[in-house]
Amino acid sequence: MPRIDLLSLTSHLELALSCAPSSTIAALRDSDALKRRLAAVDLAEFLAERLGANLTTVRRAEEMPLPLGVGTAAM
């Protein structure tokens, strides 16, 4: 996996956040862990596209399990 320097990653992340729909930003702060995860996936897909990575599409709910210990409580 190629590495990216911190400054470049910061710039790409800043752009992803500034271009994200307000619903995605709101979902990042939602108390539902699944909504937060899906919003993070949306941003990650945008970043991966922008950085030129080839991603396979996954069925989100079935193939993106939550980390152990993460329920629907706010983090």
N, C-alpha and C. Protein backbone atom coordinates (compact mmCIF):
# COMPACT_ATOMS: atom_id res chain seq x y z
N MET A 1 0.85 -1.17 0.00
CA MET A 1 0.00 0.00 0.00
C MET A 1 0.90 1.24 0.00
N PRO A 2 0.68 2.13 -0.94
CA PRO A 2 1.49 3.35 -0.96
C PRO A 2 1.19 4.25 0.24
N ARG A 3 2.18 4.97 0.66
CA ARG A 3 2.01 5.88 1.80
C ARG A 3 1.77 7.29 1.29
N ILE A 4 1.12 8.07 2.12
CA ILE A 4 0.86 9.47 1.78
C ILE A 4 1.35 10.31 2.96
N ASP A 5 1.96 11.43 2.64
CA ASP A 5 2.47 12.27 3.72
C ASP A 5 1.32 12.97 4.44
N LEU A 6 1.58 13.36 5.67
CA LEU A 6 0.54 13.93 6.53
C LEU A 6 -0.07 15.20 5.94
N LEU A 7 0.73 16.06 5.34
CA LEU A 7 0.20 17.30 4.77
C LEU A 7 -0.77 17.02 3.63
N SER A 8 -0.42 16.08 2.75
CA SER A 8 -1.31 15.73 1.64
C SER A 8 -2.60 15.10 2.15
N LEU A 9 -2.47 14.19 3.11
CA LEU A 9 -3.66 13.55 3.66
C LEU A 9 -4.56 14.58 4.33
N THR A 10 -3.96 15.51 5.05
CA THR A 10 -4.74 16.57 5.70
C THR A 10 -5.50 17.39 4.68
N SER A 11 -4.85 17.74 3.59
CA SER A 11 -5.51 18.52 2.54
C SER A 11 -6.68 17.77 1.93
N HIS A 12 -6.47 16.48 1.64
CA HIS A 12 -7.54 15.67 1.05
C HIS A 12 -8.69 15.49 2.04
N LEU A 13 -8.38 15.27 3.30
CA LEU A 13 -9.42 15.11 4.31
C LEU A 13 -10.21 16.40 4.49
N GLU A 14 -9.51 17.52 4.51
CA GLU A 14 -10.18 18.82 4.62
C GLU A 14 -11.14 19.03 3.46
N LEU A 15 -10.71 18.68 2.26
CA LEU A 15 -11.57 18.82 1.09
C LEU A 15 -12.78 17.88 1.19
N ALA A 16 -12.54 16.64 1.61
CA ALA A 16 -13.65 15.69 1.73
C ALA A 16 -14.69 16.21 2.72
N LEU A 17 -14.23 16.75 3.83
CA LEU A 17 -15.17 17.27 4.83
C LEU A 17 -15.89 18.52 4.34
N SER A 18 -15.18 19.38 3.62
CA SER A 18 -15.81 20.61 3.15
C SER A 18 -16.79 20.37 2.01
N CYS A 19 -16.59 19.29 1.25
CA CYS A 19 -17.49 18.97 0.13
C CYS A 19 -18.62 18.03 0.54
N ALA A 20 -18.52 17.45 1.71
CA ALA A 20 -19.52 16.48 2.15
C ALA A 20 -20.87 17.15 2.37
N PRO A 21 -21.93 16.46 2.02
CA PRO A 21 -23.26 17.01 2.29
C PRO A 21 -23.46 17.19 3.79
N SER A 22 -24.29 18.14 4.16
CA SER A 22 -24.53 18.39 5.58
C SER A 22 -25.10 17.16 6.27
N SER A 23 -25.82 16.33 5.53
CA SER A 23 -26.37 15.10 6.12
C SER A 23 -25.25 14.13 6.52
N THR A 24 -24.17 14.09 5.75
CA THR A 24 -23.03 13.23 6.10
C THR A 24 -22.34 13.74 7.35
N ILE A 25 -22.15 15.05 7.43
CA ILE A 25 -21.52 15.64 8.61
C ILE A 25 -22.38 15.39 9.84
N ALA A 26 -23.69 15.56 9.70
CA ALA A 26 -24.60 15.29 10.83
C ALA A 26 -24.53 13.82 11.23
N ALA A 27 -24.44 12.93 10.26
CA ALA A 27 -24.39 11.50 10.56
C ALA A 27 -23.11 11.13 11.30
N LEU A 28 -22.03 11.85 11.07
CA LEU A 28 -20.78 11.59 11.81
C LEU A 28 -20.94 11.84 13.30
N ARG A 29 -21.91 12.67 13.67
CA ARG A 29 -22.14 13.01 15.07
C ARG A 29 -23.37 12.31 15.65
N ASP A 30 -24.00 11.45 14.86
CA ASP A 30 -25.23 10.78 15.28
C ASP A 30 -24.95 9.81 16.43
N SER A 31 -25.96 9.57 17.25
CA SER A 31 -25.79 8.62 18.36
C SER A 31 -25.84 7.17 17.87
N ASP A 32 -26.33 6.93 16.67
CA ASP A 32 -26.41 5.59 16.10
C ASP A 32 -25.06 5.23 15.47
N ALA A 33 -24.44 4.17 15.98
CA ALA A 33 -23.11 3.77 15.51
C ALA A 33 -23.12 3.39 14.03
N LEU A 34 -24.19 2.77 13.56
CA LEU A 34 -24.25 2.39 12.15
C LEU A 34 -24.29 3.62 11.25
N LYS A 35 -25.05 4.63 11.63
CA LYS A 35 -25.09 5.87 10.84
C LYS A 35 -23.71 6.53 10.81
N ARG A 36 -23.02 6.54 11.95
CA ARG A 36 -21.66 7.11 11.98
C ARG A 36 -20.73 6.32 11.06
N ARG A 37 -20.83 5.00 11.11
CA ARG A 37 -19.97 4.16 10.29
C ARG A 37 -20.22 4.40 8.80
N LEU A 38 -21.49 4.47 8.41
CA LEU A 38 -21.82 4.69 7.00
C LEU A 38 -21.35 6.06 6.52
N ALA A 39 -21.43 7.07 7.37
CA ALA A 39 -20.93 8.40 7.01
C ALA A 39 -19.42 8.35 6.83
N ALA A 40 -18.74 7.63 7.71
CA ALA A 40 -17.28 7.49 7.59
C ALA A 40 -16.92 6.75 6.31
N VAL A 41 -17.71 5.74 5.95
CA VAL A 41 -17.47 5.01 4.70
C VAL A 41 -17.63 5.94 3.50
N ASP A 42 -18.64 6.79 3.53
CA ASP A 42 -18.83 7.75 2.44
C ASP A 42 -17.60 8.64 2.27
N LEU A 43 -17.09 9.15 3.38
CA LEU A 43 -15.90 10.01 3.31
C LEU A 43 -14.68 9.21 2.86
N ALA A 44 -14.55 7.98 3.35
CA ALA A 44 -13.41 7.15 2.96
C ALA A 44 -13.45 6.83 1.46
N GLU A 45 -14.63 6.57 0.93
CA GLU A 45 -14.75 6.31 -0.51
C GLU A 45 -14.35 7.54 -1.32
N PHE A 46 -14.78 8.71 -0.87
CA PHE A 46 -14.40 9.95 -1.55
C PHE A 46 -12.88 10.12 -1.52
N LEU A 47 -12.29 9.90 -0.35
CA LEU A 47 -10.83 10.04 -0.23
C LEU A 47 -10.10 9.03 -1.10
N ALA A 48 -10.56 7.79 -1.10
CA ALA A 48 -9.91 6.76 -1.90
C ALA A 48 -9.98 7.10 -3.38
N GLU A 49 -11.12 7.58 -3.84
CA GLU A 49 -11.25 8.00 -5.24
C GLU A 49 -10.28 9.13 -5.54
N ARG A 50 -10.26 10.09 -4.65
CA ARG A 50 -9.41 11.26 -4.84
C ARG A 50 -7.93 10.89 -4.85
N LEU A 51 -7.58 9.91 -4.03
CA LEU A 51 -6.18 9.49 -3.94
C LEU A 51 -5.83 8.43 -4.99
N GLY A 52 -6.81 8.04 -5.79
CA GLY A 52 -6.53 7.12 -6.88
C GLY A 52 -6.53 5.65 -6.51
N ALA A 53 -7.11 5.29 -5.39
CA ALA A 53 -7.15 3.88 -4.99
C ALA A 53 -8.29 3.18 -5.70
N ASN A 54 -8.10 1.91 -5.98
CA ASN A 54 -9.17 1.09 -6.55
C ASN A 54 -9.84 0.33 -5.42
N LEU A 55 -11.11 0.61 -5.21
CA LEU A 55 -11.85 -0.06 -4.15
C LEU A 55 -12.91 -0.95 -4.75
N THR A 56 -13.16 -2.05 -4.09
CA THR A 56 -14.31 -2.86 -4.48
C THR A 56 -15.50 -2.36 -3.69
N THR A 57 -16.64 -2.37 -4.31
CA THR A 57 -17.85 -1.91 -3.64
C THR A 57 -18.33 -3.01 -2.71
N VAL A 58 -18.72 -2.63 -1.52
CA VAL A 58 -19.25 -3.59 -0.55
C VAL A 58 -20.69 -3.25 -0.25
N ARG A 59 -21.42 -4.26 0.13
CA ARG A 59 -22.77 -4.01 0.62
C ARG A 59 -22.60 -3.57 2.05
N ARG A 60 -22.84 -2.34 2.31
CA ARG A 60 -22.46 -1.71 3.56
C ARG A 60 -22.96 -2.40 4.81
N ALA A 61 -24.23 -2.58 4.96
CA ALA A 61 -24.77 -3.10 6.22
C ALA A 61 -24.28 -4.51 6.50
N GLU A 62 -24.17 -5.34 5.47
CA GLU A 62 -23.80 -6.73 5.68
C GLU A 62 -22.28 -6.92 5.79
N GLU A 63 -21.51 -6.16 5.06
CA GLU A 63 -20.08 -6.41 4.97
C GLU A 63 -19.23 -5.40 5.71
N MET A 64 -19.83 -4.44 6.38
CA MET A 64 -19.08 -3.46 7.15
C MET A 64 -19.50 -3.56 8.62
N PRO A 65 -19.11 -4.64 9.30
CA PRO A 65 -19.55 -4.79 10.69
C PRO A 65 -18.94 -3.71 11.57
N LEU A 66 -19.64 -3.42 12.64
CA LEU A 66 -19.14 -2.46 13.61
C LEU A 66 -18.01 -3.09 14.41
N PRO A 67 -17.07 -2.30 14.90
CA PRO A 67 -16.01 -2.84 15.74
C PRO A 67 -16.60 -3.47 17.00
N LEU A 68 -15.88 -4.42 17.57
CA LEU A 68 -16.34 -5.06 18.79
C LEU A 68 -16.59 -4.03 19.88
N GLY A 69 -17.66 -4.20 20.59
CA GLY A 69 -17.97 -3.30 21.70
C GLY A 69 -18.70 -2.04 21.29
N VAL A 70 -18.93 -1.85 20.00
CA VAL A 70 -19.62 -0.64 19.55
C VAL A 70 -21.08 -0.98 19.32
N GLY A 71 -21.94 -0.34 20.08
CA GLY A 71 -23.37 -0.53 19.90
C GLY A 71 -23.96 0.73 19.30
N THR A 72 -25.13 1.09 19.75
CA THR A 72 -25.75 2.30 19.22
C THR A 72 -25.58 3.48 20.15
N ALA A 73 -24.84 3.32 21.23
CA ALA A 73 -24.61 4.44 22.15
C ALA A 73 -23.61 5.41 21.53
N ALA A 74 -23.73 6.66 21.89
CA ALA A 74 -22.80 7.68 21.38
C ALA A 74 -21.40 7.39 21.87
N MET A 75 -20.44 7.67 21.01
CA MET A 75 -19.04 7.45 21.37
C MET A 75 -18.51 8.61 22.15
